Amino acid sequence: MSEAASVSTIPASQQARRERILDAASDLATEGGWDAVQMREVAERAEVALGTLYRYFPSKVHLLVSALGRTFQQLHDSVRVDVAGTPQERVYRVVAAMTRFLARHRRLSGAMVRALMTADAEAAQEVEAVGDLLVGFIASATHEPGEASTERDTLVAHIIGKVWLTDVVTLLSGRMTVSQVLEDLEATIDLVMS
């Protein structure tokens, strides 16, 4: 079962507690990046016992990867894909919106992406959920609203998502600018979707 499916089946009180924990971790990461996210501090800010925090998220990596998944879901829900233009233009607008968001929130983004990159097999479910969200977000822009994504849409979205993630890591490490990332992605999208 995916994380999104399992989250939707938990009681409202537990969902609210989970959201408070994710909010606390995101706030700490926004303030000080990876190092600022300490499980004890997250528990205190979320007003939950440390044991409760570990029941929801067994490690800092699980916690921050889940925060990334929530961020992707929020971006997906807030970014309205203008149906004007070609599928390539729509995909570019979606990827550009995600890139700009992550660039504006560098400490938070750096912490979440670091967690994603260092996740081991124990966090596989959370990593898979994030990957599914990213691919779904990109694939949804390849066609008109209401149309189902095809197998090809999903494959194209996987390729674009992998290039995007590599570029985001490079951006967050200071070796690329947002403009360079967007140029690279525009070329990648044109090549893959032609």
C-alpha atoms as a PDB file:
ATOM      1  CA  MET A   1       0.000   0.000   0.000  1.00  0.00           C
ATOM      2  CA  SER A   2       1.366   3.456  -0.876  1.00  0.00           C
ATOM      3  CA  GLU A   3       1.992   6.054   1.800  1.00  0.00           C
ATOM      4  CA  ALA A   4      -0.774   8.248   0.392  1.00  0.00           C
ATOM      5  CA  ALA A   5      -3.260   5.374   0.584  1.00  0.00           C
ATOM      6  CA  SER A   6      -2.228   4.386   4.093  1.00  0.00           C
ATOM      7  CA  VAL A   7      -2.350   8.002   5.321  1.00  0.00           C
ATOM      8  CA  SER A   8      -5.895   8.461   4.045  1.00  0.00           C
ATOM      9  CA  THR A   9      -7.131   5.519   6.124  1.00  0.00           C
ATOM     10  CA  ILE A  10      -5.922   6.712   9.526  1.00  0.00           C
ATOM     11  CA  PRO A  11      -8.281   8.497  11.963  1.00  0.00           C
ATOM     12  CA  ALA A  12      -8.500  12.299  11.798  1.00  0.00           C
ATOM     13  CA  SER A  13      -6.829  12.756  15.194  1.00  0.00           C
ATOM     14  CA  GLN A  14      -3.831  10.700  14.108  1.00  0.00           C
ATOM     15  CA  GLN A  15      -3.712  12.501  10.760  1.00  0.00           C
ATOM     16  CA  ALA A  16      -3.685  15.852  12.597  1.00  0.00           C
ATOM     17  CA  ARG A  17      -0.832  14.621  14.829  1.00  0.00           C
ATOM     18  CA  ARG A  18       1.097  13.442  11.760  1.00  0.00           C
ATOM     19  CA  GLU A  19       0.623  16.835  10.098  1.00  0.00           C
ATOM     20  CA  ARG A  20       1.835  18.649  13.237  1.00  0.00           C
ATOM     21  CA  ILE A  21       4.961  16.487  13.200  1.00  0.00           C
ATOM     22  CA  LEU A  22       5.583  17.224   9.511  1.00  0.00           C
ATOM     23  CA  ASP A  23       4.973  20.933  10.135  1.00  0.00           C
ATOM     24  CA  ALA A  24       7.475  20.959  13.008  1.00  0.00           C
ATOM     25  CA  ALA A  25      10.120  19.158  10.934  1.00  0.00           C
ATOM     26  CA  SER A  26       9.548  21.477   7.968  1.00  0.00           C
ATOM     27  CA  ASP A  27       9.795  24.558  10.193  1.00  0.00           C
ATOM     28  CA  LEU A  28      13.059  23.339  11.713  1.00  0.00           C
ATOM     29  CA  ALA A  29      14.487  22.502   8.289  1.00  0.00           C
ATOM     30  CA  THR A  30      13.436  25.923   6.994  1.00  0.00           C
ATOM     31  CA  GLU A  31      15.236  27.581   9.903  1.00  0.00           C
ATOM     32  CA  GLY A  32      18.454  25.573   9.846  1.00  0.00           C
ATOM     33  CA  GLY A  33      18.466  22.854   7.223  1.00  0.00           C
ATOM     34  CA  TRP A  34      19.346  19.200   7.807  1.00  0.00           C
ATOM     35  CA  ASP A  35      21.249  19.689  11.055  1.00  0.00           C
ATOM     36  CA  ALA A  36      18.406  21.626  12.698  1.00  0.00           C
ATOM     37  CA  VAL A  37      16.005  18.690  12.372  1.00  0.00           C
ATOM     38  CA  GLN A  38      16.590  16.788  15.602  1.00  0.00           C
ATOM     39  CA  MET A  39      13.953  14.229  16.552  1.00  0.00           C
ATOM     40  CA  ARG A  40      13.665  15.480  20.153  1.00  0.00           C
ATOM     41  CA  GLU A  41      13.164  19.064  18.943  1.00  0.00           C
ATOM     42  CA  VAL A  42      10.583  17.916  16.368  1.00  0.00           C
ATOM     43  CA  ALA A  43       8.648  16.095  19.107  1.00  0.00           C
ATOM     44  CA  GLU A  44       8.723  19.150  21.365  1.00  0.00           C
ATOM     45  CA  ARG A  45       7.524  21.502  18.624  1.00  0.00           C
ATOM     46  CA  ALA A  46       4.803  19.098  17.539  1.00  0.00           C
ATOM     47  CA  GLU A  47       3.791  18.581  21.183  1.00  0.00           C
ATOM     48  CA  VAL A  48       4.057  14.809  20.995  1.00  0.00           C
ATOM     49  CA  ALA A  49       6.071  12.327  23.003  1.00  0.00           C
ATOM     50  CA  LEU A  50       9.366  11.266  21.445  1.00  0.00           C
ATOM     51  CA  GLY A  51       8.089   7.665  21.333  1.00  0.00           C
ATOM     52  CA  THR A  52       5.013   8.814  19.432  1.00  0.00           C
ATOM     53  CA  LEU A  53       7.212  10.587  16.894  1.00  0.00           C
ATOM     54  CA  TYR A  54       9.224   7.400  16.338  1.00  0.00           C
ATOM     55  CA  ARG A  55       6.024   5.369  15.854  1.00  0.00           C
ATOM     56  CA  TYR A  56       5.051   7.675  12.998  1.00  0.00           C
ATOM     57  CA  PHE A  57       8.554   8.172  11.590  1.00  0.00           C
ATOM     58  CA  PRO A  58      11.278   5.674  12.581  1.00  0.00           C
ATOM     59  CA  SER A  59      14.086   8.065  11.595  1.00  0.00           C
ATOM     60  CA  LYS A  60      14.894  11.582  10.477  1.00  0.00           C
ATOM     61  CA  VAL A  61      15.214  10.262   6.927  1.00  0.00           C
ATOM     62  CA  HIS A  62      11.689   8.795   7.008  1.00  0.00           C
ATOM     63  CA  LEU A  63      10.409  12.077   8.410  1.00  0.00           C
ATOM     64  CA  LEU A  64      12.048  14.341   5.838  1.00  0.00           C
ATOM     65  CA  VAL A  65      11.244  12.092   2.877  1.00  0.00           C
ATOM     66  CA  SER A  66       7.611  12.156   4.011  1.00  0.00           C
ATOM     67  CA  ALA A  67       7.839  15.963   4.253  1.00  0.00           C
ATOM     68  CA  LEU A  68       9.084  16.010   0.656  1.00  0.00           C
ATOM     69  CA  GLY A  69       6.156  13.852  -0.409  1.00  0.00           C
ATOM     70  CA  ARG A  70       3.751  16.226   1.307  1.00  0.00           C
ATOM     71  CA  THR A  71       5.468  19.178  -0.398  1.00  0.00           C
ATOM     72  CA  PHE A  72       5.080  17.544  -3.822  1.00  0.00           C
ATOM     73  CA  GLN A  73       1.405  16.837  -3.070  1.00  0.00           C
ATOM     74  CA  GLN A  74       0.835  20.453  -2.004  1.00  0.00           C
ATOM     75  CA  LEU A  75       2.577  21.701  -5.153  1.00  0.00           C
ATOM     76  CA  HIS A  76       0.485  19.362  -7.286  1.00  0.00           C
ATOM     77  CA  ASP A  77      -2.681  20.638  -5.619  1.00  0.00           C
ATOM     78  CA  SER A  78      -1.714  24.314  -5.921  1.00  0.00           C
ATOM     79  CA  VAL A  79      -0.173  24.454  -9.401  1.00  0.00           C
ATOM     80  CA  ARG A  80      -2.881  24.824 -11.994  1.00  0.00           C
ATOM     81  CA  VAL A  81      -1.625  23.570 -15.303  1.00  0.00           C
ATOM     82  CA  ASP A  82      -2.782  25.937 -18.015  1.00  0.00           C
ATOM     83  CA  VAL A  83      -4.109  23.726 -20.794  1.00  0.00           C
ATOM     84  CA  ALA A  84      -2.841  26.182 -23.366  1.00  0.00           C
ATOM     85  CA  GLY A  85       0.217  25.216 -25.307  1.00  0.00           C
ATOM     86  CA  THR A  86       1.851  21.966 -26.204  1.00  0.00           C
ATOM     87  CA  PRO A  87       2.356  19.053 -23.796  1.00  0.00           C
ATOM     88  CA  GLN A  88       6.046  20.042 -23.665  1.00  0.00           C
ATOM     89  CA  GLU A  89       5.139  23.577 -22.595  1.00  0.00           C
ATOM     90  CA  ARG A  90       2.759  22.269 -19.899  1.00  0.00           C
ATOM     91  CA  VAL A  91       5.384  19.874 -18.519  1.00  0.00           C
ATOM     92  CA  TYR A  92       7.963  22.656 -18.516  1.00  0.00           C
ATOM     93  CA  ARG A  93       5.621  24.943 -16.538  1.00  0.00           C
ATOM     94  CA  VAL A  94       5.054  22.221 -13.909  1.00  0.00           C
ATOM     95  CA  VAL A  95       8.751  21.403 -13.546  1.00  0.00           C
ATOM     96  CA  ALA A  96       9.653  25.106 -13.477  1.00  0.00           C
ATOM     97  CA  ALA A  97       7.138  25.738 -10.681  1.00  0.00           C
ATOM     98  CA  MET A  98       8.615  22.901  -8.615  1.00  0.00           C
ATOM     99  CA  THR A  99      12.161  24.129  -9.266  1.00  0.00           C
ATOM    100  CA  ARG A 100      11.369  27.690  -8.270  1.00  0.00           C
ATOM    101  CA  PHE A 101       9.641  26.535  -5.077  1.00  0.00           C
ATOM    102  CA  LEU A 102      12.611  24.423  -4.033  1.00  0.00           C
ATOM    103  CA  ALA A 103      15.034  27.232  -4.899  1.00  0.00           C
ATOM    104  CA  ARG A 104      13.069  29.712  -2.754  1.00  0.00           C
ATOM    105  CA  HIS A 105      13.162  27.301   0.213  1.00  0.00           C
ATOM    106  CA  ARG A 106      16.778  26.135  -0.028  1.00  0.00           C
ATOM    107  CA  ARG A 107      17.323  24.987   3.560  1.00  0.00           C
ATOM    108  CA  LEU A 108      14.087  23.017   3.632  1.00  0.00           C
ATOM    109  CA  SER A 109      14.678  21.640   0.128  1.00  0.00           C
ATOM    110  CA  GLY A 110      18.262  20.728   0.930  1.00  0.00           C
ATOM    111  CA  ALA A 111      17.192  18.781   4.018  1.00  0.00           C
ATOM    112  CA  MET A 112      14.399  16.944   2.198  1.00  0.00           C
ATOM    113  CA  VAL A 113      16.492  16.097  -0.864  1.00  0.00           C
ATOM    114  CA  ARG A 114      19.391  14.965   1.346  1.00  0.00           C
ATOM    115  CA  ALA A 115      17.013  12.604   3.124  1.00  0.00           C
ATOM    116  CA  LEU A 116      15.788  11.281  -0.222  1.00  0.00           C
ATOM    117  CA  MET A 117      19.336  10.746  -1.470  1.00  0.00           C
ATOM    118  CA  THR A 118      20.533   8.998   1.715  1.00  0.00           C
ATOM    119  CA  ALA A 119      17.443   6.849   2.280  1.00  0.00           C
ATOM    120  CA  ASP A 120      18.132   3.144   2.642  1.00  0.00           C
ATOM    121  CA  ALA A 121      15.909   0.110   2.087  1.00  0.00           C
ATOM    122  CA  GLU A 122      14.054   0.762   5.350  1.00  0.00           C
ATOM    123  CA  ALA A 123      12.658   3.999   3.891  1.00  0.00           C
ATOM    124  CA  ALA A 124      11.801   2.402   0.532  1.00  0.00           C
ATOM    125  CA  GLN A 125       8.042   2.860   0.984  1.00  0.00           C
ATOM    126  CA  GLU A 126       8.393   6.604   1.611  1.00  0.00           C
ATOM    127  CA  VAL A 127      10.858   7.012  -1.276  1.00  0.00           C
ATOM    128  CA  GLU A 128       8.540   5.115  -3.630  1.00  0.00           C
ATOM    129  CA  ALA A 129       5.601   7.303  -2.582  1.00  0.00           C
ATOM    130  CA  VAL A 130       7.619  10.454  -3.335  1.00  0.00           C
ATOM    131  CA  GLY A 131       8.678   9.057  -6.712  1.00  0.00           C
ATOM    132  CA  ASP A 132       5.084   8.192  -7.560  1.00  0.00           C
ATOM    133  CA  LEU A 133       3.951  11.712  -6.660  1.00  0.00           C
ATOM    134  CA  LEU A 134       6.681  13.302  -8.765  1.00  0.00           C
ATOM    135  CA  VAL A 135       6.005  11.086 -11.775  1.00  0.00           C
ATOM    136  CA  GLY A 136       2.246  11.574 -11.443  1.00  0.00           C
ATOM    137  CA  PHE A 137       2.672  15.332 -11.222  1.00  0.00           C
ATOM    138  CA  ILE A 138       4.769  15.468 -14.380  1.00  0.00           C
ATOM    139  CA  ALA A 139       2.671  12.884 -16.249  1.00  0.00           C
ATOM    140  CA  SER A 140      -0.543  14.777 -15.514  1.00  0.00           C
ATOM    141  CA  ALA A 141       0.805  17.725 -17.516  1.00  0.00           C
ATOM    142  CA  THR A 142       1.475  15.614 -20.619  1.00  0.00           C
ATOM    143  CA  HIS A 143      -2.195  15.429 -21.552  1.00  0.00           C
ATOM    144  CA  GLU A 144      -5.448  17.349 -21.271  1.00  0.00           C
ATOM    145  CA  PRO A 145      -7.135  17.438 -17.841  1.00  0.00           C
ATOM    146  CA  GLY A 146      -9.425  14.465 -17.316  1.00  0.00           C
ATOM    147  CA  GLU A 147      -7.445  12.204 -19.637  1.00  0.00           C
ATOM    148  CA  ALA A 148      -5.685   9.232 -18.081  1.00  0.00           C
ATOM    149  CA  SER A 149      -1.917   9.030 -18.283  1.00  0.00           C
ATOM    150  CA  THR A 150      -0.624   6.424 -20.686  1.00  0.00           C
ATOM    151  CA  GLU A 151       2.296   4.068 -20.115  1.00  0.00           C
ATOM    152  CA  ARG A 152       4.367   6.334 -22.367  1.00  0.00           C
ATOM    153  CA  ASP A 153       3.399   9.417 -20.300  1.00  0.00           C
ATOM    154  CA  THR A 154       4.629   7.642 -17.187  1.00  0.00           C
ATOM    155  CA  LEU A 155       7.898   6.584 -18.815  1.00  0.00           C
ATOM    156  CA  VAL A 156       8.515  10.121 -20.091  1.00  0.00           C
ATOM    157  CA  ALA A 157       7.717  11.509 -16.634  1.00  0.00           C
ATOM    158  CA  HIS A 158      10.206   9.067 -15.042  1.00  0.00           C
ATOM    159  CA  ILE A 159      12.982  10.234 -17.358  1.00  0.00           C
ATOM    160  CA  ILE A 160      12.224  13.929 -16.867  1.00  0.00           C
ATOM    161  CA  GLY A 161      11.885  13.406 -13.103  1.00  0.00           C
ATOM    162  CA  LYS A 162      15.299  11.746 -12.872  1.00  0.00           C
ATOM    163  CA  VAL A 163      16.997  14.528 -14.817  1.00  0.00           C
ATOM    164  CA  TRP A 164      15.135  17.102 -12.717  1.00  0.00           C
ATOM    165  CA  LEU A 165      16.182  15.502  -9.434  1.00  0.00           C
ATOM    166  CA  THR A 166      19.828  15.406 -10.553  1.00  0.00           C
ATOM    167  CA  ASP A 167      19.645  19.067 -11.521  1.00  0.00           C
ATOM    168  CA  VAL A 168      17.962  19.982  -8.214  1.00  0.00           C
ATOM    169  CA  VAL A 169      20.779  18.294  -6.263  1.00  0.00           C
ATOM    170  CA  THR A 170      23.279  20.291  -8.317  1.00  0.00           C
ATOM    171  CA  LEU A 171      21.261  23.493  -7.799  1.00  0.00           C
ATOM    172  CA  LEU A 172      21.066  22.997  -4.030  1.00  0.00           C
ATOM    173  CA  SER A 173      24.811  22.360  -3.861  1.00  0.00           C
ATOM    174  CA  GLY A 174      25.421  25.710  -5.589  1.00  0.00           C
ATOM    175  CA  ARG A 175      26.829  24.302  -8.819  1.00  0.00           C
ATOM    176  CA  MET A 176      23.893  25.382 -11.007  1.00  0.00           C
ATOM    177  CA  THR A 177      21.574  28.375 -11.062  1.00  0.00           C
ATOM    178  CA  VAL A 178      17.811  28.183 -11.409  1.00  0.00           C
ATOM    179  CA  SER A 179      18.173  29.503 -14.970  1.00  0.00           C
ATOM    180  CA  GLN A 180      20.642  26.749 -15.839  1.00  0.00           C
ATOM    181  CA  VAL A 181      18.352  24.094 -14.358  1.00  0.00           C
ATOM    182  CA  LEU A 182      15.401  25.411 -16.344  1.00  0.00           C
ATOM    183  CA  GLU A 183      17.432  25.558 -19.579  1.00  0.00           C
ATOM    184  CA  ASP A 184      18.592  21.974 -19.040  1.00  0.00           C
ATOM    185  CA  LEU A 185      15.063  20.812 -18.310  1.00  0.00           C
ATOM    186  CA  GLU A 186      13.624  22.594 -21.325  1.00  0.00           C
ATOM    187  CA  ALA A 187      16.143  20.803 -23.551  1.00  0.00           C
ATOM    188  CA  THR A 188      15.457  17.480 -21.822  1.00  0.00           C
ATOM    189  CA  ILE A 189      11.692  17.852 -22.166  1.00  0.00           C
ATOM    190  CA  ASP A 190      11.986  18.770 -25.862  1.00  0.00           C
ATOM    191  CA  LEU A 191      14.266  15.796 -26.509  1.00  0.00           C
ATOM    192  CA  VAL A 192      12.267  13.220 -24.559  1.00  0.00           C
ATOM    193  CA  MET A 193       8.836  14.378 -25.686  1.00  0.00           C
ATOM    194  CA  SER A 194       9.617  14.941 -29.382  1.00  0.00           C
END
